[in-house]
Amino acid sequence: MEETIEDFIKRESKSANESVGIVKGAKWMQERMYSEEEVQLILSKLLTDIKNGNAGNSVKWFEQFKKK
């Protein structure tokens, strides 16, 4: 059986508060990361916009797809 991130943190943490903080931080990071499917979709949209001449302002385009 593979060890979960939560099990690893509980095993390696020196205190319960440290464990809770690490778990919250890991979950926050995970929510901000893109899945492979999301990256493929964003790249596909970018390539389509470039092909159609609609990706002129890259900063604005990036903000449209940025996770908040």
PDB file of N, CA and C in Angstrom:
ATOM      1  N   MET A   1       0.846  -1.185   0.000  1.00  0.00           N
ATOM      2  CA  MET A   1       0.000   0.000   0.000  1.00  0.00           C
ATOM      3  C   MET A   1       0.886   1.241   0.000  1.00  0.00           C
ATOM      4  N   GLU A   2       0.562   2.205  -0.865  1.00  0.00           N
ATOM      5  CA  GLU A   2       1.324   3.445  -0.954  1.00  0.00           C
ATOM      6  C   GLU A   2       0.955   4.376   0.188  1.00  0.00           C
ATOM      7  N   GLU A   3       1.952   5.028   0.724  1.00  0.00           N
ATOM      8  CA  GLU A   3       1.743   5.975   1.806  1.00  0.00           C
ATOM      9  C   GLU A   3       1.176   7.277   1.244  1.00  0.00           C
ATOM     10  N   THR A   4       0.148   7.814   1.894  1.00  0.00           N
ATOM     11  CA  THR A   4      -0.420   9.094   1.456  1.00  0.00           C
ATOM     12  C   THR A   4       0.441  10.238   1.983  1.00  0.00           C
ATOM     13  N   ILE A   5       0.266  11.403   1.392  1.00  0.00           N
ATOM     14  CA  ILE A   5       0.996  12.579   1.856  1.00  0.00           C
ATOM     15  C   ILE A   5       0.644  12.890   3.303  1.00  0.00           C
ATOM     16  N   GLU A   6      -0.621  12.683   3.666  1.00  0.00           N
ATOM     17  CA  GLU A   6      -1.048  12.944   5.039  1.00  0.00           C
ATOM     18  C   GLU A   6      -0.349  12.011   6.014  1.00  0.00           C
ATOM     19  N   ASP A   7      -0.242  10.718   5.670  1.00  0.00           N
ATOM     20  CA  ASP A   7       0.445   9.748   6.528  1.00  0.00           C
ATOM     21  C   ASP A   7       1.923  10.100   6.677  1.00  0.00           C
ATOM     22  N   PHE A   8       2.554  10.478   5.581  1.00  0.00           N
ATOM     23  CA  PHE A   8       3.961  10.860   5.623  1.00  0.00           C
ATOM     24  C   PHE A   8       4.170  12.059   6.540  1.00  0.00           C
ATOM     25  N   ILE A   9       3.307  13.063   6.409  1.00  0.00           N
ATOM     26  CA  ILE A   9       3.435  14.276   7.219  1.00  0.00           C
ATOM     27  C   ILE A   9       3.249  13.949   8.697  1.00  0.00           C
ATOM     28  N   LYS A  10       2.243  13.146   9.019  1.00  0.00           N
ATOM     29  CA  LYS A  10       2.012  12.764  10.416  1.00  0.00           C
ATOM     30  C   LYS A  10       3.228  12.033  10.983  1.00  0.00           C
ATOM     31  N   ARG A  11       3.825  11.174  10.176  1.00  0.00           N
ATOM     32  CA  ARG A  11       4.978  10.398  10.626  1.00  0.00           C
ATOM     33  C   ARG A  11       6.207  11.283  10.819  1.00  0.00           C
ATOM     34  N   GLU A  12       6.400  12.263   9.956  1.00  0.00           N
ATOM     35  CA  GLU A  12       7.609  13.081   9.969  1.00  0.00           C
ATOM     36  C   GLU A  12       7.491  14.360  10.799  1.00  0.00           C
ATOM     37  N   SER A  13       6.295  14.786  11.126  1.00  0.00           N
ATOM     38  CA  SER A  13       6.107  16.050  11.851  1.00  0.00           C
ATOM     39  C   SER A  13       6.453  15.890  13.322  1.00  0.00           C
ATOM     40  N   LYS A  14       6.947  16.977  13.904  1.00  0.00           N
ATOM     41  CA  LYS A  14       7.328  16.966  15.314  1.00  0.00           C
ATOM     42  C   LYS A  14       6.146  17.259  16.224  1.00  0.00           C
ATOM     43  N   SER A  15       5.107  17.906  15.696  1.00  0.00           N
ATOM     44  CA  SER A  15       3.944  18.230  16.517  1.00  0.00           C
ATOM     45  C   SER A  15       2.684  18.180  15.670  1.00  0.00           C
ATOM     46  N   ALA A  16       1.547  18.131  16.345  1.00  0.00           N
ATOM     47  CA  ALA A  16       0.261  18.098  15.648  1.00  0.00           C
ATOM     48  C   ALA A  16       0.039  19.397  14.878  1.00  0.00           C
ATOM     49  N   ASN A  17       0.426  20.543  15.472  1.00  0.00           N
ATOM     50  CA  ASN A  17       0.245  21.828  14.789  1.00  0.00           C
ATOM     51  C   ASN A  17       1.083  21.895  13.524  1.00  0.00           C
ATOM     52  N   GLU A  18       2.295  21.388  13.582  1.00  0.00           N
ATOM     53  CA  GLU A  18       3.149  21.367  12.402  1.00  0.00           C
ATOM     54  C   GLU A  18       2.514  20.497  11.322  1.00  0.00           C
ATOM     55  N   SER A  19       1.978  19.367  11.717  1.00  0.00           N
ATOM     56  CA  SER A  19       1.335  18.449  10.780  1.00  0.00           C
ATOM     57  C   SER A  19       0.154  19.112  10.082  1.00  0.00           C
ATOM     58  N   VAL A  20      -0.690  19.796  10.850  1.00  0.00           N
ATOM     59  CA  VAL A  20      -1.866  20.473  10.289  1.00  0.00           C
ATOM     60  C   VAL A  20      -1.432  21.549   9.309  1.00  0.00           C
ATOM     61  N   GLY A  21      -0.406  22.315   9.674  1.00  0.00           N
ATOM     62  CA  GLY A  21       0.072  23.382   8.800  1.00  0.00           C
ATOM     63  C   GLY A  21       0.630  22.850   7.491  1.00  0.00           C
ATOM     64  N   ILE A  22       1.370  21.764   7.573  1.00  0.00           N
ATOM     65  CA  ILE A  22       1.948  21.173   6.366  1.00  0.00           C
ATOM     66  C   ILE A  22       0.855  20.624   5.462  1.00  0.00           C
ATOM     67  N   VAL A  23      -0.131  19.956   6.024  1.00  0.00           N
ATOM     68  CA  VAL A  23      -1.241  19.410   5.228  1.00  0.00           C
ATOM     69  C   VAL A  23      -1.997  20.542   4.539  1.00  0.00           C
ATOM     70  N   LYS A  24      -2.282  21.617   5.261  1.00  0.00           N
ATOM     71  CA  LYS A  24      -2.992  22.756   4.662  1.00  0.00           C
ATOM     72  C   LYS A  24      -2.173  23.369   3.534  1.00  0.00           C
ATOM     73  N   GLY A  25      -0.865  23.497   3.757  1.00  0.00           N
ATOM     74  CA  GLY A  25      -0.003  24.055   2.718  1.00  0.00           C
ATOM     75  C   GLY A  25       0.047  23.169   1.484  1.00  0.00           C
ATOM     76  N   ALA A  26       0.122  21.862   1.688  1.00  0.00           N
ATOM     77  CA  ALA A  26       0.167  20.924   0.557  1.00  0.00           C
ATOM     78  C   ALA A  26      -1.141  20.969  -0.231  1.00  0.00           C
ATOM     79  N   LYS A  27      -2.251  21.043   0.463  1.00  0.00           N
ATOM     80  CA  LYS A  27      -3.550  21.112  -0.224  1.00  0.00           C
ATOM     81  C   LYS A  27      -3.691  22.420  -0.987  1.00  0.00           C
ATOM     82  N   TRP A  28      -3.205  23.525  -0.403  1.00  0.00           N
ATOM     83  CA  TRP A  28      -3.242  24.819  -1.087  1.00  0.00           C
ATOM     84  C   TRP A  28      -2.422  24.754  -2.368  1.00  0.00           C
ATOM     85  N   MET A  29      -1.218  24.167  -2.291  1.00  0.00           N
ATOM     86  CA  MET A  29      -0.380  24.032  -3.483  1.00  0.00           C
ATOM     87  C   MET A  29      -1.052  23.182  -4.548  1.00  0.00           C
ATOM     88  N   GLN A  30      -1.672  22.085  -4.113  1.00  0.00           N
ATOM     89  CA  GLN A  30      -2.326  21.187  -5.054  1.00  0.00           C
ATOM     90  C   GLN A  30      -3.463  21.897  -5.792  1.00  0.00           C
ATOM     91  N   GLU A  31      -4.197  22.741  -5.093  1.00  0.00           N
ATOM     92  CA  GLU A  31      -5.296  23.478  -5.722  1.00  0.00           C
ATOM     93  C   GLU A  31      -4.793  24.480  -6.747  1.00  0.00           C
ATOM     94  N   ARG A  32      -3.573  24.976  -6.582  1.00  0.00           N
ATOM     95  CA  ARG A  32      -3.014  25.966  -7.497  1.00  0.00           C
ATOM     96  C   ARG A  32      -2.322  25.333  -8.691  1.00  0.00           C
ATOM     97  N   MET A  33      -2.072  24.042  -8.640  1.00  0.00           N
ATOM     98  CA  MET A  33      -1.388  23.356  -9.734  1.00  0.00           C
ATOM     99  C   MET A  33      -2.384  22.995 -10.832  1.00  0.00           C
ATOM    100  N   TYR A  34      -1.879  22.889 -12.045  1.00  0.00           N
ATOM    101  CA  TYR A  34      -2.709  22.500 -13.177  1.00  0.00           C
ATOM    102  C   TYR A  34      -2.536  21.009 -13.443  1.00  0.00           C
ATOM    103  N   SER A  35      -3.624  20.348 -13.790  1.00  0.00           N
ATOM    104  CA  SER A  35      -3.543  18.956 -14.197  1.00  0.00           C
ATOM    105  C   SER A  35      -3.007  18.892 -15.624  1.00  0.00           C
ATOM    106  N   GLU A  36      -2.592  17.726 -16.031  1.00  0.00           N
ATOM    107  CA  GLU A  36      -2.108  17.548 -17.406  1.00  0.00           C
ATOM    108  C   GLU A  36      -3.193  17.918 -18.412  1.00  0.00           C
ATOM    109  N   GLU A  37      -4.427  17.546 -18.116  1.00  0.00           N
ATOM    110  CA  GLU A  37      -5.540  17.841 -19.017  1.00  0.00           C
ATOM    111  C   GLU A  37      -5.766  19.344 -19.126  1.00  0.00           C
ATOM    112  N   GLU A  38      -5.647  20.061 -17.992  1.00  0.00           N
ATOM    113  CA  GLU A  38      -5.831  21.515 -18.022  1.00  0.00           C
ATOM    114  C   GLU A  38      -4.743  22.183 -18.864  1.00  0.00           C
ATOM    115  N   VAL A  39      -3.505  21.719 -18.734  1.00  0.00           N
ATOM    116  CA  VAL A  39      -2.407  22.287 -19.512  1.00  0.00           C
ATOM    117  C   VAL A  39      -2.635  22.037 -20.996  1.00  0.00           C
ATOM    118  N   GLN A  40      -3.055  20.836 -21.338  1.00  0.00           N
ATOM    119  CA  GLN A  40      -3.322  20.528 -22.747  1.00  0.00           C
ATOM    120  C   GLN A  40      -4.423  21.422 -23.302  1.00  0.00           C
ATOM    121  N   LEU A  41      -5.472  21.645 -22.530  1.00  0.00           N
ATOM    122  CA  LEU A  41      -6.581  22.500 -22.965  1.00  0.00           C
ATOM    123  C   LEU A  41      -6.115  23.942 -23.151  1.00  0.00           C
ATOM    124  N   ILE A  42      -5.339  24.459 -22.197  1.00  0.00           N
ATOM    125  CA  ILE A  42      -4.844  25.829 -22.297  1.00  0.00           C
ATOM    126  C   ILE A  42      -3.944  25.985 -23.512  1.00  0.00           C
ATOM    127  N   LEU A  43      -3.040  25.030 -23.732  1.00  0.00           N
ATOM    128  CA  LEU A  43      -2.151  25.103 -24.897  1.00  0.00           C
ATOM    129  C   LEU A  43      -2.928  25.033 -26.199  1.00  0.00           C
ATOM    130  N   SER A  44      -3.945  24.191 -26.226  1.00  0.00           N
ATOM    131  CA  SER A  44      -4.773  24.081 -27.420  1.00  0.00           C
ATOM    132  C   SER A  44      -5.461  25.410 -27.720  1.00  0.00           C
ATOM    133  N   LYS A  45      -5.992  26.054 -26.674  1.00  0.00           N
ATOM    134  CA  LYS A  45      -6.652  27.353 -26.858  1.00  0.00           C
ATOM    135  C   LYS A  45      -5.652  28.409 -27.301  1.00  0.00           C
ATOM    136  N   LEU A  46      -4.442  28.378 -26.733  1.00  0.00           N
ATOM    137  CA  LEU A  46      -3.419  29.337 -27.130  1.00  0.00           C
ATOM    138  C   LEU A  46      -3.057  29.162 -28.599  1.00  0.00           C
ATOM    139  N   LEU A  47      -2.831  27.932 -29.009  1.00  0.00           N
ATOM    140  CA  LEU A  47      -2.469  27.678 -30.405  1.00  0.00           C
ATOM    141  C   LEU A  47      -3.579  28.111 -31.356  1.00  0.00           C
ATOM    142  N   THR A  48      -4.818  27.875 -30.963  1.00  0.00           N
ATOM    143  CA  THR A  48      -5.957  28.307 -31.778  1.00  0.00           C
ATOM    144  C   THR A  48      -5.990  29.830 -31.866  1.00  0.00           C
ATOM    145  N   ASP A  49      -5.778  30.503 -30.729  1.00  0.00           N
ATOM    146  CA  ASP A  49      -5.771  31.965 -30.729  1.00  0.00           C
ATOM    147  C   ASP A  49      -4.626  32.514 -31.567  1.00  0.00           C
ATOM    148  N   ILE A  50      -3.454  31.897 -31.480  1.00  0.00           N
ATOM    149  CA  ILE A  50      -2.318  32.343 -32.290  1.00  0.00           C
ATOM    150  C   ILE A  50      -2.632  32.176 -33.770  1.00  0.00           C
ATOM    151  N   LYS A  51      -3.196  31.032 -34.120  1.00  0.00           N
ATOM    152  CA  LYS A  51      -3.544  30.751 -35.513  1.00  0.00           C
ATOM    153  C   LYS A  51      -4.557  31.764 -36.043  1.00  0.00           C
ATOM    154  N   ASN A  52      -5.497  32.162 -35.185  1.00  0.00           N
ATOM    155  CA  ASN A  52      -6.547  33.101 -35.597  1.00  0.00           C
ATOM    156  C   ASN A  52      -6.164  34.562 -35.352  1.00  0.00           C
ATOM    157  N   GLY A  53      -4.944  34.796 -34.867  1.00  0.00           N
ATOM    158  CA  GLY A  53      -4.486  36.169 -34.631  1.00  0.00           C
ATOM    159  C   GLY A  53      -5.101  36.833 -33.428  1.00  0.00           C
ATOM    160  N   ASN A  54      -5.560  36.045 -32.461  1.00  0.00           N
ATOM    161  CA  ASN A  54      -6.245  36.615 -31.295  1.00  0.00           C
ATOM    162  C   ASN A  54      -5.418  36.581 -30.016  1.00  0.00           C
ATOM    163  N   ALA A  55      -4.138  36.260 -30.096  1.00  0.00           N
ATOM    164  CA  ALA A  55      -3.319  36.153 -28.878  1.00  0.00           C
ATOM    165  C   ALA A  55      -2.306  37.281 -28.789  1.00  0.00           C
ATOM    166  N   GLY A  56      -2.666  38.465 -29.272  1.00  0.00           N
ATOM    167  CA  GLY A  56      -1.742  39.590 -29.306  1.00  0.00           C
ATOM    168  C   GLY A  56      -1.261  40.049 -27.950  1.00  0.00           C
ATOM    169  N   ASN A  57      -2.140  40.092 -26.969  1.00  0.00           N
ATOM    170  CA  ASN A  57      -1.769  40.545 -25.634  1.00  0.00           C
ATOM    171  C   ASN A  57      -1.600  39.328 -24.736  1.00  0.00           C
ATOM    172  N   SER A  58      -0.373  38.831 -24.631  1.00  0.00           N
ATOM    173  CA  SER A  58      -0.125  37.593 -23.893  1.00  0.00           C
ATOM    174  C   SER A  58      -0.412  37.736 -22.404  1.00  0.00           C
ATOM    175  N   VAL A  59      -0.199  38.921 -21.826  1.00  0.00           N
ATOM    176  CA  VAL A  59      -0.467  39.118 -20.403  1.00  0.00           C
ATOM    177  C   VAL A  59      -1.964  38.971 -20.135  1.00  0.00           C
ATOM    178  N   LYS A  60      -2.776  39.591 -20.970  1.00  0.00           N
ATOM    179  CA  LYS A  60      -4.235  39.487 -20.824  1.00  0.00           C
ATOM    180  C   LYS A  60      -4.690  38.038 -21.035  1.00  0.00           C
ATOM    181  N   TRP A  61      -4.108  37.379 -22.017  1.00  0.00           N
ATOM    182  CA  TRP A  61      -4.468  35.990 -22.297  1.00  0.00           C
ATOM    183  C   TRP A  61      -4.109  35.106 -21.107  1.00  0.00           C
ATOM    184  N   PHE A  62      -2.908  35.317 -20.542  1.00  0.00           N
ATOM    185  CA  PHE A  62      -2.484  34.524 -19.392  1.00  0.00           C
ATOM    186  C   PHE A  62      -3.421  34.725 -18.205  1.00  0.00           C
ATOM    187  N   GLU A  63      -3.807  35.962 -17.937  1.00  0.00           N
ATOM    188  CA  GLU A  63      -4.713  36.247 -16.816  1.00  0.00           C
ATOM    189  C   GLU A  63      -6.047  35.515 -16.968  1.00  0.00           C
ATOM    190  N   GLN A  64      -6.498  35.335 -18.197  1.00  0.00           N
ATOM    191  CA  GLN A  64      -7.765  34.652 -18.458  1.00  0.00           C
ATOM    192  C   GLN A  64      -7.727  33.210 -17.959  1.00  0.00           C
ATOM    193  N   PHE A  65      -6.569  32.556 -18.052  1.00  0.00           N
ATOM    194  CA  PHE A  65      -6.474  31.142 -17.696  1.00  0.00           C
ATOM    195  C   PHE A  65      -5.749  30.884 -16.374  1.00  0.00           C
ATOM    196  N   LYS A  66      -5.343  31.937 -15.691  1.00  0.00           N
ATOM    197  CA  LYS A  66      -4.606  31.781 -14.436  1.00  0.00           C
ATOM    198  C   LYS A  66      -5.534  31.294 -13.327  1.00  0.00           C
ATOM    199  N   LYS A  67      -5.036  30.331 -12.546  1.00  0.00           N
ATOM    200  CA  LYS A  67      -5.802  29.872 -11.382  1.00  0.00           C
ATOM    201  C   LYS A  67      -5.717  30.922 -10.301  1.00  0.00           C
ATOM    202  N   LYS A  68      -6.841  31.160  -9.673  1.00  0.00           N
ATOM    203  CA  LYS A  68      -6.883  32.194  -8.630  1.00  0.00           C
ATOM    204  C   LYS A  68      -7.118  31.588  -7.287  1.00  0.00           C
TER     205      LYS A  68
END
